[in-house]
N, C-alpha and C. Protein backbone atom coordinates (compact mmCIF):
# COMPACT_ATOMS: atom_id res chain seq x y z
N GLU A 1 76.93 9.90 69.24
CA GLU A 1 76.05 10.44 70.72
C GLU A 1 74.62 11.23 70.20
N GLU A 2 74.74 11.75 69.31
CA GLU A 2 73.49 12.14 69.31
C GLU A 2 72.99 11.29 68.53
N LYS A 3 72.98 10.59 67.87
CA LYS A 3 71.86 9.88 68.01
C LYS A 3 71.80 7.98 68.72
N SER A 4 72.00 8.55 70.00
CA SER A 4 72.32 7.15 70.70
C SER A 4 73.01 5.94 70.22
N ALA A 5 73.59 6.19 69.48
CA ALA A 5 73.90 4.93 68.59
C ALA A 5 74.71 3.47 69.58
N LEU A 6 74.73 2.33 68.99
CA LEU A 6 75.28 1.27 69.87
C LEU A 6 76.72 1.01 68.97
N ILE A 7 77.45 1.23 69.41
CA ILE A 7 78.98 0.61 68.62
C ILE A 7 79.95 -0.02 69.44
N THR A 8 79.68 -0.75 69.01
CA THR A 8 80.67 -2.46 69.32
C THR A 8 81.57 -2.71 68.85
N ILE A 9 82.94 -2.66 69.54
CA ILE A 9 84.30 -2.78 68.61
C ILE A 9 85.17 -4.37 69.62
N GLU A 10 84.55 -5.23 68.42
CA GLU A 10 85.28 -6.31 69.48
C GLU A 10 86.79 -6.40 69.11
N PRO A 11 87.51 -7.60 69.74
CA PRO A 11 88.98 -7.80 69.90
C PRO A 11 89.39 -7.64 68.18
N LEU A 12 90.19 -6.85 67.77
CA LEU A 12 90.92 -6.15 66.94
C LEU A 12 92.73 -6.77 66.87
N PRO A 13 92.76 -7.42 65.47
CA PRO A 13 94.42 -7.28 65.33
C PRO A 13 95.31 -6.37 65.24
N GLN A 14 96.09 -6.16 65.05
CA GLN A 14 97.11 -5.00 64.73
C GLN A 14 97.07 -5.48 63.52
N VAL A 15 97.01 -3.80 62.80
CA VAL A 15 96.83 -3.81 61.11
C VAL A 15 98.19 -2.82 61.34
N LEU A 16 98.98 -3.19 59.97
CA LEU A 16 100.25 -2.57 58.82
C LEU A 16 99.36 -1.58 58.19
N GLY A 17 99.90 -0.69 57.75
CA GLY A 17 99.50 0.67 57.44
C GLY A 17 99.59 2.00 57.40
N LEU A 18 99.31 3.01 56.69
CA LEU A 18 99.07 3.94 57.14
C LEU A 18 98.42 4.73 58.07
N ASN A 19 98.56 5.24 59.48
CA ASN A 19 97.33 5.64 60.76
C ASN A 19 96.41 6.18 60.06
N THR A 20 97.23 7.55 58.91
CA THR A 20 96.17 8.44 58.82
C THR A 20 94.73 7.79 58.27
N GLN A 21 95.29 7.11 56.92
CA GLN A 21 95.07 6.38 56.01
C GLN A 21 93.86 5.28 56.62
N LEU A 22 94.00 4.20 57.29
CA LEU A 22 93.78 3.45 58.24
C LEU A 22 92.24 3.97 58.91
N ARG A 23 92.54 5.53 60.08
CA ARG A 23 91.77 6.38 60.70
C ARG A 23 90.18 6.74 59.80
N GLN A 24 90.89 7.26 58.66
CA GLN A 24 90.15 8.03 57.79
C GLN A 24 89.02 7.35 57.20
N LEU A 25 89.41 5.46 56.70
CA LEU A 25 88.92 4.66 56.65
C LEU A 25 88.10 4.40 57.52
N PHE A 26 87.89 3.87 58.19
CA PHE A 26 87.02 3.59 59.50
C PHE A 26 85.89 4.49 59.86
N TYR A 27 86.98 5.78 60.17
CA TYR A 27 85.91 7.04 60.16
C TYR A 27 84.85 7.28 59.11
N ASN A 28 85.24 7.01 58.18
CA ASN A 28 84.07 6.94 56.65
C ASN A 28 82.98 6.05 56.97
N LEU A 29 83.96 4.58 57.26
CA LEU A 29 82.40 3.68 57.13
C LEU A 29 81.62 3.62 58.57
N VAL A 30 82.27 4.24 59.30
CA VAL A 30 81.26 4.04 61.14
C VAL A 30 80.67 5.04 60.68
N ASN A 31 80.74 6.64 60.43
CA ASN A 31 80.07 7.55 59.83
C ASN A 31 79.05 7.28 59.22
N ASN A 32 79.22 6.35 57.81
CA ASN A 32 77.83 6.05 56.96
C ASN A 32 77.15 5.25 57.47
N SER A 33 77.41 4.32 58.40
CA SER A 33 76.28 3.31 59.31
C SER A 33 75.87 4.54 60.37
N LEU A 34 75.99 5.34 60.46
CA LEU A 34 75.19 6.61 61.31
C LEU A 34 74.65 7.10 60.70
N LYS A 35 75.22 7.64 59.38
CA LYS A 35 74.20 9.13 58.80
C LYS A 35 73.10 8.12 58.15
N PHE A 36 73.89 6.95 57.36
CA PHE A 36 72.37 6.05 56.42
C PHE A 36 71.60 4.87 57.21
N ASN A 37 70.66 5.47 58.23
CA ASN A 37 70.08 4.86 59.55
C ASN A 37 68.85 5.41 59.85
N THR A 38 67.54 4.92 59.77
CA THR A 38 66.77 5.65 59.92
C THR A 38 66.15 5.08 61.39
N THR A 39 67.03 3.88 62.40
CA THR A 39 66.50 3.98 63.57
C THR A 39 67.20 4.07 64.16
N VAL A 40 67.89 3.74 65.49
CA VAL A 40 68.97 3.96 66.66
C VAL A 40 70.05 3.31 65.92
N PRO A 41 71.16 3.33 65.94
CA PRO A 41 72.27 2.87 64.79
C PRO A 41 72.80 2.36 65.55
N SER A 42 73.31 0.62 65.04
CA SER A 42 73.76 -0.01 66.21
C SER A 42 74.88 -0.61 65.07
N VAL A 43 76.35 -0.63 65.03
CA VAL A 43 77.21 -0.85 64.57
C VAL A 43 77.96 -1.76 65.14
N THR A 44 79.31 -2.92 64.61
CA THR A 44 79.85 -3.84 65.04
C THR A 44 80.83 -3.65 64.19
N ILE A 45 82.40 -3.40 65.04
CA ILE A 45 83.62 -3.61 64.42
C ILE A 45 84.02 -5.30 64.70
N SER A 46 84.52 -6.23 63.53
CA SER A 46 85.00 -7.48 64.15
C SER A 46 86.47 -7.98 63.40
N ALA A 47 86.76 -8.85 63.73
CA ALA A 47 87.44 -9.70 62.83
C ALA A 47 87.83 -10.95 62.48
N THR A 48 88.28 -12.03 61.99
CA THR A 48 87.92 -12.95 61.48
C THR A 48 89.18 -13.37 61.14
N LEU A 49 89.72 -14.03 61.62
CA LEU A 49 91.33 -14.82 60.91
C LEU A 49 91.31 -15.87 60.45
N VAL A 50 92.07 -16.00 58.71
CA VAL A 50 91.19 -16.87 57.88
C VAL A 50 93.05 -17.84 58.00
N PRO A 51 93.13 -18.99 57.64
CA PRO A 51 94.03 -19.62 57.53
C PRO A 51 94.69 -19.42 55.95
N GLU A 52 95.93 -19.15 55.93
CA GLU A 52 96.45 -18.90 54.38
C GLU A 52 95.92 -20.05 53.11
N ASP A 53 95.85 -21.22 53.84
CA ASP A 53 95.53 -22.39 52.80
C ASP A 53 93.81 -22.14 52.35
N ASN A 54 93.38 -21.21 52.68
CA ASN A 54 91.79 -20.37 52.40
C ASN A 54 91.68 -19.77 51.03
N ASN A 55 92.77 -19.00 51.16
CA ASN A 55 92.99 -18.24 49.63
C ASN A 55 94.37 -18.29 48.69
N PRO A 56 93.82 -18.94 47.50
CA PRO A 56 95.03 -18.92 47.27
C PRO A 56 95.48 -17.43 46.90
N LEU A 57 95.28 -16.30 46.98
CA LEU A 57 95.84 -15.26 46.61
C LEU A 57 96.74 -14.75 47.31
N VAL A 58 96.48 -15.29 48.46
CA VAL A 58 97.54 -14.81 49.69
C VAL A 58 98.74 -15.29 50.03
N LEU A 59 99.98 -14.62 49.49
CA LEU A 59 101.67 -15.15 49.19
C LEU A 59 101.79 -16.22 50.77
N SER A 60 101.50 -15.43 51.92
CA SER A 60 102.42 -16.15 52.60
C SER A 60 101.46 -15.98 54.30
N GLY A 61 101.25 -17.01 55.14
CA GLY A 61 100.81 -16.71 56.53
C GLY A 61 99.09 -16.41 56.56
N ASP A 62 98.56 -16.55 57.40
CA ASP A 62 97.52 -16.28 57.85
C ASP A 62 97.07 -14.75 57.37
N TYR A 63 95.35 -14.48 57.62
CA TYR A 63 95.75 -12.90 57.68
C TYR A 63 93.71 -12.57 58.62
N ASP A 64 93.74 -11.52 58.39
CA ASP A 64 92.57 -11.44 59.48
C ASP A 64 91.47 -10.87 58.43
N ILE A 65 90.59 -10.53 58.06
CA ILE A 65 88.90 -9.56 57.73
C ILE A 65 88.28 -9.12 58.60
N ILE A 66 88.60 -7.76 58.41
CA ILE A 66 87.68 -6.92 59.26
C ILE A 66 86.38 -6.36 58.95
N SER A 67 85.42 -6.52 59.71
CA SER A 67 84.07 -6.47 58.74
C SER A 67 83.66 -5.16 59.99
N ILE A 68 82.69 -4.48 59.30
CA ILE A 68 82.29 -2.83 59.95
C ILE A 68 80.51 -3.88 59.33
N ALA A 69 79.56 -4.07 60.49
CA ALA A 69 78.66 -4.21 60.09
C ALA A 69 77.22 -3.47 61.07
N ASP A 70 76.21 -2.79 60.22
CA ASP A 70 75.22 -2.04 60.93
C ASP A 70 73.93 -2.40 60.76
N ASN A 71 72.93 -2.04 61.04
CA ASN A 71 71.46 -2.29 60.75
C ASN A 71 70.95 -0.84 59.84
N GLY A 72 71.67 -0.46 59.35
CA GLY A 72 71.28 0.67 58.54
C GLY A 72 70.36 0.29 57.67
N ILE A 73 70.53 1.07 55.54
CA ILE A 73 69.18 1.01 55.08
C ILE A 73 69.64 -0.12 53.88
N GLY A 74 71.83 -0.27 53.88
CA GLY A 74 71.62 -1.11 53.14
C GLY A 74 71.97 -0.68 51.68
N ILE A 75 72.71 -1.72 51.12
CA ILE A 75 73.33 -0.54 49.46
C ILE A 75 72.62 -2.20 48.70
N GLU A 76 71.05 -1.60 47.66
CA GLU A 76 70.80 -2.95 46.74
C GLU A 76 72.04 -3.13 45.58
N SER A 77 71.41 -4.46 45.79
CA SER A 77 73.22 -5.13 44.82
C SER A 77 73.09 -4.15 43.52
N GLN A 78 72.43 -3.52 42.85
CA GLN A 78 72.06 -3.22 42.08
C GLN A 78 73.24 -2.16 41.98
N TYR A 79 73.76 -1.77 42.80
CA TYR A 79 74.64 -0.44 43.29
C TYR A 79 75.84 -1.25 43.72
N SER A 80 76.52 -1.82 43.99
CA SER A 80 77.16 -2.76 44.68
C SER A 80 78.70 -2.40 44.01
N ASN A 81 78.75 -2.48 43.04
CA ASN A 81 79.62 -2.02 41.89
C ASN A 81 80.31 -0.64 41.97
N ARG A 82 79.65 0.26 42.77
CA ARG A 82 80.04 1.84 42.55
C ARG A 82 80.47 1.92 44.41
N ILE A 83 80.95 1.10 45.22
CA ILE A 83 80.65 1.34 46.66
C ILE A 83 82.34 2.10 46.68
N PHE A 84 82.72 1.37 45.77
CA PHE A 84 84.24 1.48 46.16
C PHE A 84 84.49 3.02 45.15
N ASN A 85 83.95 3.69 44.23
CA ASN A 85 84.20 4.71 43.53
C ASN A 85 84.20 5.94 44.63
N MET A 86 85.23 6.91 44.00
CA MET A 86 84.84 7.66 45.34
C MET A 86 83.47 9.28 45.20
N PHE A 87 83.26 9.66 45.60
CA PHE A 87 82.39 10.53 46.07
C PHE A 87 81.34 10.12 45.22
N GLN A 88 81.11 8.90 45.39
CA GLN A 88 79.15 8.40 45.54
C GLN A 88 78.26 8.24 45.78
N ARG A 89 77.32 8.99 45.94
CA ARG A 89 76.16 8.87 47.02
C ARG A 89 75.35 7.72 45.73
N LEU A 90 74.16 7.24 46.77
CA LEU A 90 73.54 6.56 46.18
C LEU A 90 71.93 7.18 46.31
N HIS A 91 72.00 8.35 47.38
CA HIS A 91 70.81 8.82 48.12
C HIS A 91 70.81 10.33 47.88
N GLU A 92 69.88 11.11 47.88
CA GLU A 92 69.92 12.31 46.65
C GLU A 92 70.06 13.18 48.65
N ARG A 93 70.80 13.89 48.52
CA ARG A 93 71.04 14.89 49.92
C ARG A 93 70.09 15.20 50.95
N ASP A 94 68.79 15.73 50.83
CA ASP A 94 67.66 15.49 51.06
C ASP A 94 67.49 14.55 52.18
N GLN A 95 67.51 13.53 51.50
CA GLN A 95 67.53 12.66 52.04
C GLN A 95 67.78 12.25 53.51
N TYR A 96 69.24 11.89 52.94
CA TYR A 96 70.26 11.97 54.22
C TYR A 96 71.44 12.78 53.53
N GLY A 97 71.72 13.61 55.66
CA GLY A 97 73.06 14.41 55.20
C GLY A 97 73.76 14.63 54.98
N GLY A 98 75.09 15.22 55.03
CA GLY A 98 76.47 14.88 54.82
C GLY A 98 77.08 15.04 53.72
N ASN A 99 78.18 14.59 53.83
CA ASN A 99 79.08 14.23 52.30
C ASN A 99 78.99 13.42 51.75
């Protein structure tokens, strides 16, 4: 609200998992989209249904890929191996506040 962000949530499937962890995951991803942005933030949450025959790693049934896209500063490819590590920052606190 304070950044006048545009957040679009497209129809999403029901997701099986721990409610608290899923809520925290979405909160963190959307919060990062808003925090690491130098313009008016725009965030889109969407899902794409993928047939099981398109992925040999899926045991049975179709699955959904849930995506969160934004117009933020992005992550340079050289840092992509760090994005799933806990407590990682790619920028100094004085550049972008928060945790």
